[in-house]
Amino acid sequence: MSEGDDASPAWVAPGLLHPLALTAVAVLLVNDHVLKARWPGLVSGKLSDVAGLVYFPLLLQAIVEAPRWARARYRPSPAILLVCVLITGLVFALVNLWAPATSLYERGFGAVRWCLLDGGWRTGGAPRPVTLTPDPTDLLALPSLWLAWRLGRAPDERARRRCGPARSSSAIRSPP
């Protein structure tokens, strides 16, 4: 296909592989496994919040849109991206402000970790909840969802600039 064709992106939710999104994952991993242990405090606490809020909506979009991507002529959906950004922000706020949501998160994430990382599905035993310390000041990181929105929309905006405005079939007429 030529560059102007409506070819599907090579990857579902292309914003997920943007260098800033991948940097957010690296920051999240280094911060959670190194920096928080060596230099606990305000900065290391908020760094993971910002990085997670940048990356998670894009990951959620990729999971939701994977079946569509597997079919031909896939285009990332701005509506699905928006819902993923809003859900991420809502869950993040609830977990930090409402004790039942915190408890549900701790048990749910503990079960996921048990299945995927601890090999619980093979070894048996019961999942253990993770520990989360709710902190209302974590909500200061919510504006970083804007970056997730921009990264998720960027491939679409670049394509529009490259190809020009969309044309309807009625606007393209063959000569008489």
C-alpha atoms as a PDB file:
ATOM      1  CA  MET A   1       0.000   0.000   0.000  1.00  0.00           C
ATOM      2  CA  SER A   2       1.134   3.487  -0.671  1.00  0.00           C
ATOM      3  CA  GLU A   3       1.598   6.094   2.039  1.00  0.00           C
ATOM      4  CA  GLY A   4      -1.728   7.759   1.301  1.00  0.00           C
ATOM      5  CA  ASP A   5      -3.761   4.530   1.604  1.00  0.00           C
ATOM      6  CA  ASP A   6      -5.863   3.751   4.629  1.00  0.00           C
ATOM      7  CA  ALA A   7      -3.495   1.041   5.815  1.00  0.00           C
ATOM      8  CA  SER A   8      -3.976  -0.298   9.320  1.00  0.00           C
ATOM      9  CA  PRO A   9      -1.328   0.671  11.859  1.00  0.00           C
ATOM     10  CA  ALA A  10       1.343  -1.956  12.444  1.00  0.00           C
ATOM     11  CA  TRP A  11       0.342  -2.180  16.115  1.00  0.00           C
ATOM     12  CA  VAL A  12      -2.880  -1.878  18.077  1.00  0.00           C
ATOM     13  CA  ALA A  13      -3.114   1.487  19.867  1.00  0.00           C
ATOM     14  CA  PRO A  14       0.074   2.922  18.311  1.00  0.00           C
ATOM     15  CA  GLY A  15       0.403   5.489  21.120  1.00  0.00           C
ATOM     16  CA  LEU A  16       1.380   2.587  23.365  1.00  0.00           C
ATOM     17  CA  LEU A  17       4.743   2.383  21.589  1.00  0.00           C
ATOM     18  CA  HIS A  18       5.428   6.109  21.568  1.00  0.00           C
ATOM     19  CA  PRO A  19       8.838   6.896  23.146  1.00  0.00           C
ATOM     20  CA  LEU A  20       7.168   8.912  25.931  1.00  0.00           C
ATOM     21  CA  ALA A  21       4.816   6.034  26.755  1.00  0.00           C
ATOM     22  CA  LEU A  22       7.725   3.589  26.859  1.00  0.00           C
ATOM     23  CA  THR A  23       9.672   6.044  29.019  1.00  0.00           C
ATOM     24  CA  ALA A  24       6.715   6.113  31.408  1.00  0.00           C
ATOM     25  CA  VAL A  25       6.930   2.317  31.744  1.00  0.00           C
ATOM     26  CA  ALA A  26      10.686   2.502  32.420  1.00  0.00           C
ATOM     27  CA  VAL A  27      10.160   5.264  35.005  1.00  0.00           C
ATOM     28  CA  LEU A  28       7.415   3.227  36.664  1.00  0.00           C
ATOM     29  CA  LEU A  29       9.586   0.115  36.909  1.00  0.00           C
ATOM     30  CA  VAL A  30      12.749   1.885  38.088  1.00  0.00           C
ATOM     31  CA  ASN A  31      10.839   4.051  40.527  1.00  0.00           C
ATOM     32  CA  ASP A  32       8.846   1.182  42.071  1.00  0.00           C
ATOM     33  CA  HIS A  33      11.770  -1.250  42.302  1.00  0.00           C
ATOM     34  CA  VAL A  34      14.716   1.050  43.044  1.00  0.00           C
ATOM     35  CA  LEU A  35      13.972   4.689  43.802  1.00  0.00           C
ATOM     36  CA  LYS A  36      11.140   4.218  46.308  1.00  0.00           C
ATOM     37  CA  ALA A  37      13.302   1.861  48.373  1.00  0.00           C
ATOM     38  CA  ARG A  38      16.412   4.055  48.314  1.00  0.00           C
ATOM     39  CA  TRP A  39      14.833   7.524  48.415  1.00  0.00           C
ATOM     40  CA  PRO A  40      11.264   7.313  49.703  1.00  0.00           C
ATOM     41  CA  GLY A  41       9.395  10.565  49.691  1.00  0.00           C
ATOM     42  CA  LEU A  42       7.127  12.915  47.858  1.00  0.00           C
ATOM     43  CA  VAL A  43       8.912  12.797  44.491  1.00  0.00           C
ATOM     44  CA  SER A  44       9.282   9.022  44.254  1.00  0.00           C
ATOM     45  CA  GLY A  45       5.684   8.644  45.407  1.00  0.00           C
ATOM     46  CA  LYS A  46       4.213  10.901  42.752  1.00  0.00           C
ATOM     47  CA  LEU A  47       6.547   9.751  39.963  1.00  0.00           C
ATOM     48  CA  SER A  48       4.858   6.344  39.753  1.00  0.00           C
ATOM     49  CA  ASP A  49       1.431   7.964  39.769  1.00  0.00           C
ATOM     50  CA  VAL A  50       2.294  10.195  36.816  1.00  0.00           C
ATOM     51  CA  ALA A  51       3.991   7.385  34.863  1.00  0.00           C
ATOM     52  CA  GLY A  52       1.110   4.979  35.469  1.00  0.00           C
ATOM     53  CA  LEU A  53      -1.510   7.526  34.445  1.00  0.00           C
ATOM     54  CA  VAL A  54       0.377   8.167  31.206  1.00  0.00           C
ATOM     55  CA  TYR A  55       0.789   4.514  30.270  1.00  0.00           C
ATOM     56  CA  PHE A  56      -2.233   2.664  31.644  1.00  0.00           C
ATOM     57  CA  PRO A  57      -4.958   4.255  29.465  1.00  0.00           C
ATOM     58  CA  LEU A  58      -2.916   3.359  26.376  1.00  0.00           C
ATOM     59  CA  LEU A  59      -2.490  -0.229  27.597  1.00  0.00           C
ATOM     60  CA  LEU A  60      -6.208  -0.445  28.339  1.00  0.00           C
ATOM     61  CA  GLN A  61      -6.986   0.894  24.856  1.00  0.00           C
ATOM     62  CA  ALA A  62      -4.720  -1.759  23.326  1.00  0.00           C
ATOM     63  CA  ILE A  63      -6.489  -4.527  25.245  1.00  0.00           C
ATOM     64  CA  VAL A  64      -9.960  -3.266  24.286  1.00  0.00           C
ATOM     65  CA  GLU A  65      -9.090  -2.666  20.620  1.00  0.00           C
ATOM     66  CA  ALA A  66      -7.009  -5.824  20.016  1.00  0.00           C
ATOM     67  CA  PRO A  67      -9.927  -7.732  18.436  1.00  0.00           C
ATOM     68  CA  ARG A  68     -10.610  -4.807  16.053  1.00  0.00           C
ATOM     69  CA  TRP A  69      -6.914  -4.524  15.198  1.00  0.00           C
ATOM     70  CA  ALA A  70      -6.802  -8.184  14.198  1.00  0.00           C
ATOM     71  CA  ARG A  71      -9.275  -7.393  11.428  1.00  0.00           C
ATOM     72  CA  ALA A  72      -8.325  -5.464   8.320  1.00  0.00           C
ATOM     73  CA  ARG A  73      -8.469  -1.673   8.050  1.00  0.00           C
ATOM     74  CA  TYR A  74      -8.294  -0.945  11.794  1.00  0.00           C
ATOM     75  CA  ARG A  75      -8.138   2.657  13.003  1.00  0.00           C
ATOM     76  CA  PRO A  76      -7.669   3.483  16.698  1.00  0.00           C
ATOM     77  CA  SER A  77     -10.924   4.845  18.078  1.00  0.00           C
ATOM     78  CA  PRO A  78     -10.763   8.255  19.774  1.00  0.00           C
ATOM     79  CA  ALA A  79     -13.960   7.338  21.640  1.00  0.00           C
ATOM     80  CA  ILE A  80     -12.422   4.173  23.070  1.00  0.00           C
ATOM     81  CA  LEU A  81      -9.288   6.102  24.007  1.00  0.00           C
ATOM     82  CA  LEU A  82     -11.403   8.726  25.782  1.00  0.00           C
ATOM     83  CA  VAL A  83     -13.310   6.066  27.730  1.00  0.00           C
ATOM     84  CA  CYS A  84     -10.010   4.406  28.714  1.00  0.00           C
ATOM     85  CA  VAL A  85      -8.602   7.741  29.927  1.00  0.00           C
ATOM     86  CA  LEU A  86     -11.786   8.510  31.894  1.00  0.00           C
ATOM     87  CA  ILE A  87     -11.990   5.031  33.449  1.00  0.00           C
ATOM     88  CA  THR A  88      -8.332   5.210  34.466  1.00  0.00           C
ATOM     89  CA  GLY A  89      -8.845   8.588  36.125  1.00  0.00           C
ATOM     90  CA  LEU A  90     -12.048   7.501  37.859  1.00  0.00           C
ATOM     91  CA  VAL A  91     -10.564   4.273  39.245  1.00  0.00           C
ATOM     92  CA  PHE A  92      -7.394   6.106  40.324  1.00  0.00           C
ATOM     93  CA  ALA A  93      -9.480   8.689  42.194  1.00  0.00           C
ATOM     94  CA  LEU A  94     -11.766   6.115  43.799  1.00  0.00           C
ATOM     95  CA  VAL A  95      -8.872   3.952  44.981  1.00  0.00           C
ATOM     96  CA  ASN A  96      -7.288   6.973  46.648  1.00  0.00           C
ATOM     97  CA  LEU A  97     -10.476   8.397  48.165  1.00  0.00           C
ATOM     98  CA  TRP A  98     -12.867   5.547  48.984  1.00  0.00           C
ATOM     99  CA  ALA A  99     -11.946   2.653  51.317  1.00  0.00           C
ATOM    100  CA  PRO A 100     -14.136  -0.016  49.601  1.00  0.00           C
ATOM    101  CA  ALA A 101     -12.477   0.768  46.249  1.00  0.00           C
ATOM    102  CA  THR A 102      -9.040   0.571  47.889  1.00  0.00           C
ATOM    103  CA  SER A 103      -9.870  -2.844  49.356  1.00  0.00           C
ATOM    104  CA  LEU A 104     -11.243  -4.130  46.048  1.00  0.00           C
ATOM    105  CA  TYR A 105      -8.117  -2.892  44.242  1.00  0.00           C
ATOM    106  CA  GLU A 106      -5.819  -4.585  46.793  1.00  0.00           C
ATOM    107  CA  ARG A 107      -7.594  -7.934  46.463  1.00  0.00           C
ATOM    108  CA  GLY A 108      -8.046  -7.730  42.691  1.00  0.00           C
ATOM    109  CA  PHE A 109      -4.481  -6.686  41.939  1.00  0.00           C
ATOM    110  CA  GLY A 110      -3.239  -9.319  44.417  1.00  0.00           C
ATOM    111  CA  ALA A 111      -5.164 -11.993  42.514  1.00  0.00           C
ATOM    112  CA  VAL A 112      -3.775 -10.817  39.162  1.00  0.00           C
ATOM    113  CA  ARG A 113      -0.236 -10.781  40.567  1.00  0.00           C
ATOM    114  CA  TRP A 114      -0.764 -14.244  42.057  1.00  0.00           C
ATOM    115  CA  CYS A 115      -1.918 -15.636  38.695  1.00  0.00           C
ATOM    116  CA  LEU A 116       0.617 -13.938  36.437  1.00  0.00           C
ATOM    117  CA  LEU A 117       3.752 -13.392  38.516  1.00  0.00           C
ATOM    118  CA  ASP A 118       3.612 -15.749  41.486  1.00  0.00           C
ATOM    119  CA  GLY A 119       2.615 -18.796  39.430  1.00  0.00           C
ATOM    120  CA  GLY A 120      -0.414 -19.335  41.647  1.00  0.00           C
ATOM    121  CA  TRP A 121      -2.348 -20.981  38.870  1.00  0.00           C
ATOM    122  CA  ARG A 122       0.332 -23.740  38.883  1.00  0.00           C
ATOM    123  CA  THR A 123       1.313 -23.963  42.527  1.00  0.00           C
ATOM    124  CA  GLY A 124      -2.022 -23.504  44.249  1.00  0.00           C
ATOM    125  CA  GLY A 125      -2.457 -21.622  47.466  1.00  0.00           C
ATOM    126  CA  ALA A 126      -4.460 -18.490  47.931  1.00  0.00           C
ATOM    127  CA  PRO A 127      -3.789 -15.066  46.441  1.00  0.00           C
ATOM    128  CA  ARG A 128      -2.548 -12.417  48.862  1.00  0.00           C
ATOM    129  CA  PRO A 129      -3.776  -8.852  48.550  1.00  0.00           C
ATOM    130  CA  VAL A 130      -1.262  -6.157  47.721  1.00  0.00           C
ATOM    131  CA  THR A 131      -0.900  -3.222  50.078  1.00  0.00           C
ATOM    132  CA  LEU A 132      -1.965   0.198  48.887  1.00  0.00           C
ATOM    133  CA  THR A 133      -1.715   3.339  50.950  1.00  0.00           C
ATOM    134  CA  PRO A 134      -4.443   5.692  49.766  1.00  0.00           C
ATOM    135  CA  ASP A 135      -3.224   9.246  49.433  1.00  0.00           C
ATOM    136  CA  PRO A 136      -5.614  11.995  48.322  1.00  0.00           C
ATOM    137  CA  THR A 137      -2.623  14.097  47.206  1.00  0.00           C
ATOM    138  CA  ASP A 138      -2.027  11.472  44.498  1.00  0.00           C
ATOM    139  CA  LEU A 139      -4.894  13.165  42.661  1.00  0.00           C
ATOM    140  CA  LEU A 140      -2.401  15.908  41.793  1.00  0.00           C
ATOM    141  CA  ALA A 141      -1.127  13.483  39.133  1.00  0.00           C
ATOM    142  CA  LEU A 142      -4.489  13.337  37.299  1.00  0.00           C
ATOM    143  CA  PRO A 143      -3.515  16.032  34.748  1.00  0.00           C
ATOM    144  CA  SER A 144      -0.961  13.555  33.349  1.00  0.00           C
ATOM    145  CA  LEU A 145      -3.942  11.779  31.767  1.00  0.00           C
ATOM    146  CA  TRP A 146      -3.843  14.600  29.218  1.00  0.00           C
ATOM    147  CA  LEU A 147      -0.491  13.271  28.001  1.00  0.00           C
ATOM    148  CA  ALA A 148      -1.998   9.795  27.587  1.00  0.00           C
ATOM    149  CA  TRP A 149      -4.768  11.377  25.502  1.00  0.00           C
ATOM    150  CA  ARG A 150      -2.251  13.252  23.333  1.00  0.00           C
ATOM    151  CA  LEU A 151      -0.049  10.182  22.827  1.00  0.00           C
ATOM    152  CA  GLY A 152      -3.054   8.056  21.912  1.00  0.00           C
ATOM    153  CA  ARG A 153      -4.322  10.658  19.452  1.00  0.00           C
ATOM    154  CA  ALA A 154      -0.936  11.530  17.932  1.00  0.00           C
ATOM    155  CA  PRO A 155      -0.835   8.836  15.198  1.00  0.00           C
ATOM    156  CA  ASP A 156      -4.301   9.872  14.017  1.00  0.00           C
ATOM    157  CA  GLU A 157      -3.347  13.558  13.944  1.00  0.00           C
ATOM    158  CA  ARG A 158      -0.090  12.861  12.060  1.00  0.00           C
ATOM    159  CA  ALA A 159      -2.011  10.861   9.452  1.00  0.00           C
ATOM    160  CA  ARG A 160      -4.543  13.671   8.998  1.00  0.00           C
ATOM    161  CA  ARG A 161      -1.767  16.229   8.455  1.00  0.00           C
ATOM    162  CA  ARG A 162       0.014  13.946   5.981  1.00  0.00           C
ATOM    163  CA  CYS A 163      -3.074  12.966   3.964  1.00  0.00           C
ATOM    164  CA  GLY A 164      -5.048  16.175   4.199  1.00  0.00           C
ATOM    165  CA  PRO A 165      -8.742  16.474   5.008  1.00  0.00           C
ATOM    166  CA  ALA A 166     -11.003  13.511   4.404  1.00  0.00           C
ATOM    167  CA  ARG A 167     -12.986  13.621   1.175  1.00  0.00           C
ATOM    168  CA  SER A 168     -16.438  12.218   0.778  1.00  0.00           C
ATOM    169  CA  SER A 169     -17.183  10.009  -2.196  1.00  0.00           C
ATOM    170  CA  SER A 170     -19.693  12.567  -3.513  1.00  0.00           C
ATOM    171  CA  ALA A 171     -16.961  15.228  -3.703  1.00  0.00           C
ATOM    172  CA  ILE A 172     -14.862  13.100  -6.046  1.00  0.00           C
ATOM    173  CA  ARG A 173     -16.459  13.032  -9.483  1.00  0.00           C
ATOM    174  CA  SER A 174     -15.243  11.562 -12.660  1.00  0.00           C
ATOM    175  CA  PRO A 175     -15.049  13.802 -15.716  1.00  0.00           C
ATOM    176  CA  PRO A 176     -18.217  13.927 -17.888  1.00  0.00           C
END
